[in-house]
Amino acid sequence: AESRKLAQKELPLPAYDYCLKCSHTFNLLDARGAIGVAERASYIGKVRALAKMCAEGYLRQREAMGYPLAVKDPWAKS
């Protein structure tokens, strides 16, 4: 929930931190066998959706800044 709130406020990097915490917690529970097969697929989908929201927010943020430090043409000869 916290990751989603931060992503909606256009704060992709803090949202990604919470997404990583969710992923880590899921992996711990999965390794201990605390999650059933049906629940496992559901949780994977939820964490994936959070990561996607973070990535899309990061791209929007970079685009708004004009992609600073981006290489304009990586194949151009200097």
PDB file of N, CA and C in Angstrom:
ATOM      1  N   ALA A   1       0.823  -1.185   0.000  1.00  0.00           N
ATOM      2  CA  ALA A   1       0.000   0.000   0.000  1.00  0.00           C
ATOM      3  C   ALA A   1       0.873   1.258   0.000  1.00  0.00           C
ATOM      4  N   GLU A   2       1.947   1.228   0.774  1.00  0.00           N
ATOM      5  CA  GLU A   2       2.820   2.399   0.875  1.00  0.00           C
ATOM      6  C   GLU A   2       3.515   2.672  -0.455  1.00  0.00           C
ATOM      7  N   SER A   3       3.947   1.622  -1.114  1.00  0.00           N
ATOM      8  CA  SER A   3       4.615   1.770  -2.411  1.00  0.00           C
ATOM      9  C   SER A   3       3.666   2.379  -3.440  1.00  0.00           C
ATOM     10  N   ARG A   4       2.442   1.907  -3.445  1.00  0.00           N
ATOM     11  CA  ARG A   4       1.448   2.417  -4.395  1.00  0.00           C
ATOM     12  C   ARG A   4       1.150   3.895  -4.137  1.00  0.00           C
ATOM     13  N   LYS A   5       1.030   4.280  -2.872  1.00  0.00           N
ATOM     14  CA  LYS A   5       0.759   5.684  -2.525  1.00  0.00           C
ATOM     15  C   LYS A   5       1.890   6.592  -3.003  1.00  0.00           C
ATOM     16  N   LEU A   6       3.126   6.155  -2.778  1.00  0.00           N
ATOM     17  CA  LEU A   6       4.273   6.960  -3.203  1.00  0.00           C
ATOM     18  C   LEU A   6       4.356   7.052  -4.721  1.00  0.00           C
ATOM     19  N   ALA A   7       4.057   5.966  -5.410  1.00  0.00           N
ATOM     20  CA  ALA A   7       4.085   5.980  -6.873  1.00  0.00           C
ATOM     21  C   ALA A   7       3.020   6.929  -7.419  1.00  0.00           C
ATOM     22  N   GLN A   8       1.862   6.960  -6.778  1.00  0.00           N
ATOM     23  CA  GLN A   8       0.798   7.862  -7.222  1.00  0.00           C
ATOM     24  C   GLN A   8       1.145   9.321  -6.953  1.00  0.00           C
ATOM     25  N   LYS A   9       2.017   9.574  -5.985  1.00  0.00           N
ATOM     26  CA  LYS A   9       2.467  10.939  -5.694  1.00  0.00           C
ATOM     27  C   LYS A   9       3.683  11.313  -6.533  1.00  0.00           C
ATOM     28  N   GLU A  10       3.987  10.497  -7.535  1.00  0.00           N
ATOM     29  CA  GLU A  10       5.130  10.726  -8.438  1.00  0.00           C
ATOM     30  C   GLU A  10       6.461  10.746  -7.678  1.00  0.00           C
ATOM     31  N   LEU A  11       6.627   9.806  -6.770  1.00  0.00           N
ATOM     32  CA  LEU A  11       7.883   9.609  -6.042  1.00  0.00           C
ATOM     33  C   LEU A  11       8.366   8.182  -6.326  1.00  0.00           C
ATOM     34  N   PRO A  12       8.916   7.952  -7.528  1.00  0.00           N
ATOM     35  CA  PRO A  12       9.213   6.580  -7.942  1.00  0.00           C
ATOM     36  C   PRO A  12      10.335   5.894  -7.166  1.00  0.00           C
ATOM     37  N   LEU A  13      11.361   6.612  -6.755  1.00  0.00           N
ATOM     38  CA  LEU A  13      12.472   5.951  -6.064  1.00  0.00           C
ATOM     39  C   LEU A  13      12.099   5.499  -4.645  1.00  0.00           C
ATOM     40  N   PRO A  14      11.433   6.335  -3.837  1.00  0.00           N
ATOM     41  CA  PRO A  14      10.968   5.818  -2.542  1.00  0.00           C
ATOM     42  C   PRO A  14       9.946   4.681  -2.714  1.00  0.00           C
ATOM     43  N   ALA A  15       9.117   4.785  -3.743  1.00  0.00           N
ATOM     44  CA  ALA A  15       8.149   3.720  -4.009  1.00  0.00           C
ATOM     45  C   ALA A  15       8.868   2.422  -4.347  1.00  0.00           C
ATOM     46  N   TYR A  16       9.965   2.524  -5.084  1.00  0.00           N
ATOM     47  CA  TYR A  16      10.738   1.337  -5.450  1.00  0.00           C
ATOM     48  C   TYR A  16      11.380   0.704  -4.216  1.00  0.00           C
ATOM     49  N   ASP A  17      11.810   1.525  -3.263  1.00  0.00           N
ATOM     50  CA  ASP A  17      12.355   0.985  -2.008  1.00  0.00           C
ATOM     51  C   ASP A  17      11.324   0.092  -1.317  1.00  0.00           C
ATOM     52  N   TYR A  18      10.095   0.564  -1.237  1.00  0.00           N
ATOM     53  CA  TYR A  18       9.046  -0.238  -0.614  1.00  0.00           C
ATOM     54  C   TYR A  18       8.712  -1.463  -1.460  1.00  0.00           C
ATOM     55  N   CYS A  19       8.802  -1.334  -2.757  1.00  0.00           N
ATOM     56  CA  CYS A  19       8.570  -2.474  -3.642  1.00  0.00           C
ATOM     57  C   CYS A  19       9.611  -3.565  -3.377  1.00  0.00           C
ATOM     58  N   LEU A  20      10.865  -3.160  -3.196  1.00  0.00           N
ATOM     59  CA  LEU A  20      11.922  -4.126  -2.884  1.00  0.00           C
ATOM     60  C   LEU A  20      11.669  -4.804  -1.537  1.00  0.00           C
ATOM     61  N   LYS A  21      11.171  -4.045  -0.568  1.00  0.00           N
ATOM     62  CA  LYS A  21      10.844  -4.637   0.729  1.00  0.00           C
ATOM     63  C   LYS A  21       9.730  -5.668   0.583  1.00  0.00           C
ATOM     64  N   CYS A  22       8.736  -5.350  -0.238  1.00  0.00           N
ATOM     65  CA  CYS A  22       7.647  -6.299  -0.488  1.00  0.00           C
ATOM     66  C   CYS A  22       8.177  -7.566  -1.142  1.00  0.00           C
ATOM     67  N   SER A  23       9.038  -7.400  -2.122  1.00  0.00           N
ATOM     68  CA  SER A  23       9.608  -8.542  -2.823  1.00  0.00           C
ATOM     69  C   SER A  23      10.433  -9.407  -1.874  1.00  0.00           C
ATOM     70  N   HIS A  24      11.224  -8.778  -1.025  1.00  0.00           N
ATOM     71  CA  HIS A  24      12.051  -9.516  -0.073  1.00  0.00           C
ATOM     72  C   HIS A  24      11.184 -10.291   0.920  1.00  0.00           C
ATOM     73  N   THR A  25      10.153  -9.637   1.433  1.00  0.00           N
ATOM     74  CA  THR A  25       9.249 -10.298   2.372  1.00  0.00           C
ATOM     75  C   THR A  25       8.559 -11.479   1.710  1.00  0.00           C
ATOM     76  N   PHE A  26       8.123 -11.299   0.474  1.00  0.00           N
ATOM     77  CA  PHE A  26       7.511 -12.399  -0.265  1.00  0.00           C
ATOM     78  C   PHE A  26       8.490 -13.561  -0.402  1.00  0.00           C
ATOM     79  N   ASN A  27       9.742 -13.269  -0.761  1.00  0.00           N
ATOM     80  CA  ASN A  27      10.734 -14.331  -0.926  1.00  0.00           C
ATOM     81  C   ASN A  27      10.987 -15.076   0.381  1.00  0.00           C
ATOM     82  N   LEU A  28      11.012 -14.362   1.498  1.00  0.00           N
ATOM     83  CA  LEU A  28      11.190 -15.016   2.796  1.00  0.00           C
ATOM     84  C   LEU A  28      10.026 -15.960   3.099  1.00  0.00           C
ATOM     85  N   LEU A  29       8.815 -15.473   2.897  1.00  0.00           N
ATOM     86  CA  LEU A  29       7.640 -16.303   3.157  1.00  0.00           C
ATOM     87  C   LEU A  29       7.582 -17.497   2.213  1.00  0.00           C
ATOM     88  N   ASP A  30       7.929 -17.273   0.962  1.00  0.00           N
ATOM     89  CA  ASP A  30       7.912 -18.349  -0.026  1.00  0.00           C
ATOM     90  C   ASP A  30       8.952 -19.417   0.309  1.00  0.00           C
ATOM     91  N   ALA A  31      10.138 -18.996   0.728  1.00  0.00           N
ATOM     92  CA  ALA A  31      11.201 -19.945   1.065  1.00  0.00           C
ATOM     93  C   ALA A  31      10.828 -20.794   2.279  1.00  0.00           C
ATOM     94  N   ARG A  32      10.039 -20.241   3.163  1.00  0.00           N
ATOM     95  CA  ARG A  32       9.623 -20.980   4.362  1.00  0.00           C
ATOM     96  C   ARG A  32       8.378 -21.819   4.126  1.00  0.00           C
ATOM     97  N   GLY A  33       7.826 -21.739   2.928  1.00  0.00           N
ATOM     98  CA  GLY A  33       6.647 -22.533   2.606  1.00  0.00           C
ATOM     99  C   GLY A  33       5.373 -21.994   3.229  1.00  0.00           C
ATOM    100  N   ALA A  34       5.355 -20.735   3.575  1.00  0.00           N
ATOM    101  CA  ALA A  34       4.195 -20.135   4.229  1.00  0.00           C
ATOM    102  C   ALA A  34       3.132 -19.667   3.240  1.00  0.00           C
ATOM    103  N   ILE A  35       3.437 -19.736   1.953  1.00  0.00           N
ATOM    104  CA  ILE A  35       2.506 -19.265   0.925  1.00  0.00           C
ATOM    105  C   ILE A  35       2.106 -20.447   0.047  1.00  0.00           C
ATOM    106  N   GLY A  36       0.807 -20.596  -0.166  1.00  0.00           N
ATOM    107  CA  GLY A  36       0.309 -21.659  -1.025  1.00  0.00           C
ATOM    108  C   GLY A  36       0.535 -21.343  -2.492  1.00  0.00           C
ATOM    109  N   VAL A  37       0.299 -22.336  -3.340  1.00  0.00           N
ATOM    110  CA  VAL A  37       0.551 -22.188  -4.776  1.00  0.00           C
ATOM    111  C   VAL A  37      -0.338 -21.109  -5.386  1.00  0.00           C
ATOM    112  N   ALA A  38      -1.610 -21.096  -5.042  1.00  0.00           N
ATOM    113  CA  ALA A  38      -2.528 -20.100  -5.608  1.00  0.00           C
ATOM    114  C   ALA A  38      -2.175 -18.694  -5.111  1.00  0.00           C
ATOM    115  N   GLU A  39      -1.848 -18.594  -3.823  1.00  0.00           N
ATOM    116  CA  GLU A  39      -1.473 -17.289  -3.272  1.00  0.00           C
ATOM    117  C   GLU A  39      -0.171 -16.792  -3.886  1.00  0.00           C
ATOM    118  N   ARG A  40       0.734 -17.720  -4.167  1.00  0.00           N
ATOM    119  CA  ARG A  40       2.048 -17.363  -4.710  1.00  0.00           C
ATOM    120  C   ARG A  40       1.902 -16.584  -6.018  1.00  0.00           C
ATOM    121  N   ALA A  41       1.089 -17.094  -6.919  1.00  0.00           N
ATOM    122  CA  ALA A  41       0.878 -16.425  -8.207  1.00  0.00           C
ATOM    123  C   ALA A  41       0.268 -15.039  -8.008  1.00  0.00           C
ATOM    124  N   SER A  42      -0.643 -14.935  -7.064  1.00  0.00           N
ATOM    125  CA  SER A  42      -1.281 -13.647  -6.785  1.00  0.00           C
ATOM    126  C   SER A  42      -0.270 -12.631  -6.261  1.00  0.00           C
ATOM    127  N   TYR A  43       0.564 -13.057  -5.316  1.00  0.00           N
ATOM    128  CA  TYR A  43       1.569 -12.148  -4.747  1.00  0.00           C
ATOM    129  C   TYR A  43       2.612 -11.740  -5.779  1.00  0.00           C
ATOM    130  N   ILE A  44       3.016 -12.672  -6.623  1.00  0.00           N
ATOM    131  CA  ILE A  44       3.983 -12.337  -7.679  1.00  0.00           C
ATOM    132  C   ILE A  44       3.395 -11.262  -8.586  1.00  0.00           C
ATOM    133  N   GLY A  45       2.127 -11.403  -8.936  1.00  0.00           N
ATOM    134  CA  GLY A  45       1.461 -10.407  -9.773  1.00  0.00           C
ATOM    135  C   GLY A  45       1.387  -9.041  -9.110  1.00  0.00           C
ATOM    136  N   LYS A  46       1.131  -9.023  -7.811  1.00  0.00           N
ATOM    137  CA  LYS A  46       1.047  -7.755  -7.086  1.00  0.00           C
ATOM    138  C   LYS A  46       2.403  -7.055  -7.028  1.00  0.00           C
ATOM    139  N   VAL A  47       3.460  -7.813  -6.730  1.00  0.00           N
ATOM    140  CA  VAL A  47       4.797  -7.217  -6.664  1.00  0.00           C
ATOM    141  C   VAL A  47       5.220  -6.745  -8.051  1.00  0.00           C
ATOM    142  N   ARG A  48       4.876  -7.510  -9.063  1.00  0.00           N
ATOM    143  CA  ARG A  48       5.206  -7.121 -10.444  1.00  0.00           C
ATOM    144  C   ARG A  48       4.496  -5.824 -10.821  1.00  0.00           C
ATOM    145  N   ALA A  49       3.235  -5.690 -10.436  1.00  0.00           N
ATOM    146  CA  ALA A  49       2.486  -4.463 -10.731  1.00  0.00           C
ATOM    147  C   ALA A  49       3.107  -3.262 -10.013  1.00  0.00           C
ATOM    148  N   LEU A  50       3.562  -3.458  -8.768  1.00  0.00           N
ATOM    149  CA  LEU A  50       4.225  -2.370  -8.042  1.00  0.00           C
ATOM    150  C   LEU A  50       5.506  -1.949  -8.748  1.00  0.00           C
ATOM    151  N   ALA A  51       6.296  -2.930  -9.168  1.00  0.00           N
ATOM    152  CA  ALA A  51       7.555  -2.622  -9.857  1.00  0.00           C
ATOM    153  C   ALA A  51       7.288  -1.885 -11.166  1.00  0.00           C
ATOM    154  N   LYS A  52       6.232  -2.277 -11.856  1.00  0.00           N
ATOM    155  CA  LYS A  52       5.885  -1.620 -13.119  1.00  0.00           C
ATOM    156  C   LYS A  52       5.476  -0.164 -12.877  1.00  0.00           C
ATOM    157  N   MET A  53       4.698   0.077 -11.822  1.00  0.00           N
ATOM    158  CA  MET A  53       4.307   1.452 -11.490  1.00  0.00           C
ATOM    159  C   MET A  53       5.533   2.311 -11.185  1.00  0.00           C
ATOM    160  N   CYS A  54       6.481   1.742 -10.469  1.00  0.00           N
ATOM    161  CA  CYS A  54       7.710   2.477 -10.127  1.00  0.00           C
ATOM    162  C   CYS A  54       8.511   2.800 -11.382  1.00  0.00           C
ATOM    163  N   ALA A  55       8.651   1.826 -12.269  1.00  0.00           N
ATOM    164  CA  ALA A  55       9.425   2.033 -13.495  1.00  0.00           C
ATOM    165  C   ALA A  55       8.773   3.077 -14.394  1.00  0.00           C
ATOM    166  N   GLU A  56       7.458   3.009 -14.527  1.00  0.00           N
ATOM    167  CA  GLU A  56       6.756   3.992 -15.356  1.00  0.00           C
ATOM    168  C   GLU A  56       6.889   5.395 -14.762  1.00  0.00           C
ATOM    169  N   GLY A  57       6.796   5.501 -13.444  1.00  0.00           N
ATOM    170  CA  GLY A  57       6.962   6.798 -12.786  1.00  0.00           C
ATOM    171  C   GLY A  57       8.362   7.350 -12.975  1.00  0.00           C
ATOM    172  N   TYR A  58       9.354   6.472 -12.912  1.00  0.00           N
ATOM    173  CA  TYR A  58      10.740   6.897 -13.113  1.00  0.00           C
ATOM    174  C   TYR A  58      10.940   7.410 -14.538  1.00  0.00           C
ATOM    175  N   LEU A  59      10.381   6.711 -15.511  1.00  0.00           N
ATOM    176  CA  LEU A  59      10.495   7.165 -16.904  1.00  0.00           C
ATOM    177  C   LEU A  59       9.807   8.510 -17.112  1.00  0.00           C
ATOM    178  N   ARG A  60       8.631   8.694 -16.503  1.00  0.00           N
ATOM    179  CA  ARG A  60       7.944   9.989 -16.617  1.00  0.00           C
ATOM    180  C   ARG A  60       8.792  11.101 -15.999  1.00  0.00           C
ATOM    181  N   GLN A  61       9.401  10.813 -14.864  1.00  0.00           N
ATOM    182  CA  GLN A  61      10.242  11.800 -14.189  1.00  0.00           C
ATOM    183  C   GLN A  61      11.454  12.157 -15.044  1.00  0.00           C
ATOM    184  N   ARG A  62      12.108  11.179 -15.631  1.00  0.00           N
ATOM    185  CA  ARG A  62      13.270  11.424 -16.480  1.00  0.00           C
ATOM    186  C   ARG A  62      12.866  12.199 -17.735  1.00  0.00           C
ATOM    187  N   GLU A  63      11.716  11.863 -18.301  1.00  0.00           N
ATOM    188  CA  GLU A  63      11.240  12.567 -19.494  1.00  0.00           C
ATOM    189  C   GLU A  63      10.961  14.036 -19.171  1.00  0.00           C
ATOM    190  N   ALA A  64      10.358  14.293 -18.004  1.00  0.00           N
ATOM    191  CA  ALA A  64      10.055  15.670 -17.603  1.00  0.00           C
ATOM    192  C   ALA A  64      11.326  16.495 -17.426  1.00  0.00           C
ATOM    193  N   MET A  65      12.421  15.841 -17.061  1.00  0.00           N
ATOM    194  CA  MET A  65      13.697  16.537 -16.888  1.00  0.00           C
ATOM    195  C   MET A  65      14.476  16.647 -18.196  1.00  0.00           C
ATOM    196  N   GLY A  66      13.936  16.097 -19.267  1.00  0.00           N
ATOM    197  CA  GLY A  66      14.619  16.157 -20.555  1.00  0.00           C
ATOM    198  C   GLY A  66      15.737  15.131 -20.686  1.00  0.00           C
ATOM    199  N   TYR A  67      15.620  14.032 -19.953  1.00  0.00           N
ATOM    200  CA  TYR A  67      16.609  12.948 -19.980  1.00  0.00           C
ATOM    201  C   TYR A  67      18.033  13.462 -19.773  1.00  0.00           C
ATOM    202  N   PRO A  68      18.331  14.061 -18.621  1.00  0.00           N
ATOM    203  CA  PRO A  68      19.699  14.553 -18.390  1.00  0.00           C
ATOM    204  C   PRO A  68      20.705  13.407 -18.391  1.00  0.00           C
ATOM    205  N   LEU A  69      21.889  13.703 -18.885  1.00  0.00           N
ATOM    206  CA  LEU A  69      23.003  12.759 -18.981  1.00  0.00           C
ATOM    207  C   LEU A  69      22.760  11.618 -19.961  1.00  0.00           C
ATOM    208  N   ALA A  70      21.685  11.692 -20.722  1.00  0.00           N
ATOM    209  CA  ALA A  70      21.421  10.654 -21.711  1.00  0.00           C
ATOM    210  C   ALA A  70      22.274  10.902 -22.950  1.00  0.00           C
ATOM    211  N   VAL A  71      22.728   9.837 -23.551  1.00  0.00           N
ATOM    212  CA  VAL A  71      23.509   9.936 -24.781  1.00  0.00           C
ATOM    213  C   VAL A  71      22.526  10.144 -25.922  1.00  0.00           C
ATOM    214  N   LYS A  72      22.717  11.213 -26.682  1.00  0.00           N
ATOM    215  CA  LYS A  72      21.777  11.531 -27.761  1.00  0.00           C
ATOM    216  C   LYS A  72      21.838  10.492 -28.878  1.00  0.00           C
ATOM    217  N   ASP A  73      23.034  10.202 -29.351  1.00  0.00           N
ATOM    218  CA  ASP A  73      23.205   9.216 -30.414  1.00  0.00           C
ATOM    219  C   ASP A  73      24.414   8.350 -30.052  1.00  0.00           C
ATOM    220  N   PRO A  74      24.162   7.156 -29.512  1.00  0.00           N
ATOM    221  CA  PRO A  74      25.286   6.338 -29.055  1.00  0.00           C
ATOM    222  C   PRO A  74      26.202   5.875 -30.185  1.00  0.00           C
ATOM    223  N   TRP A  75      25.742   5.940 -31.422  1.00  0.00           N
ATOM    224  CA  TRP A  75      26.533   5.463 -32.557  1.00  0.00           C
ATOM    225  C   TRP A  75      27.280   6.585 -33.267  1.00  0.00           C
ATOM    226  N   ALA A  76      27.063   7.818 -32.833  1.00  0.00           N
ATOM    227  CA  ALA A  76      27.739   8.955 -33.472  1.00  0.00           C
ATOM    228  C   ALA A  76      29.230   8.931 -33.129  1.00  0.00           C
ATOM    229  N   LYS A  77      30.038   9.281 -34.110  1.00  0.00           N
ATOM    230  CA  LYS A  77      31.486   9.315 -33.895  1.00  0.00           C
ATOM    231  C   LYS A  77      31.874  10.669 -33.317  1.00  0.00           C
ATOM    232  N   SER A  78      32.736  10.644 -32.325  1.00  0.00           N
ATOM    233  CA  SER A  78      33.162  11.886 -31.669  1.00  0.00           C
ATOM    234  C   SER A  78      34.276  12.551 -32.426  1.00  0.00           C
TER     235      SER A  78
END
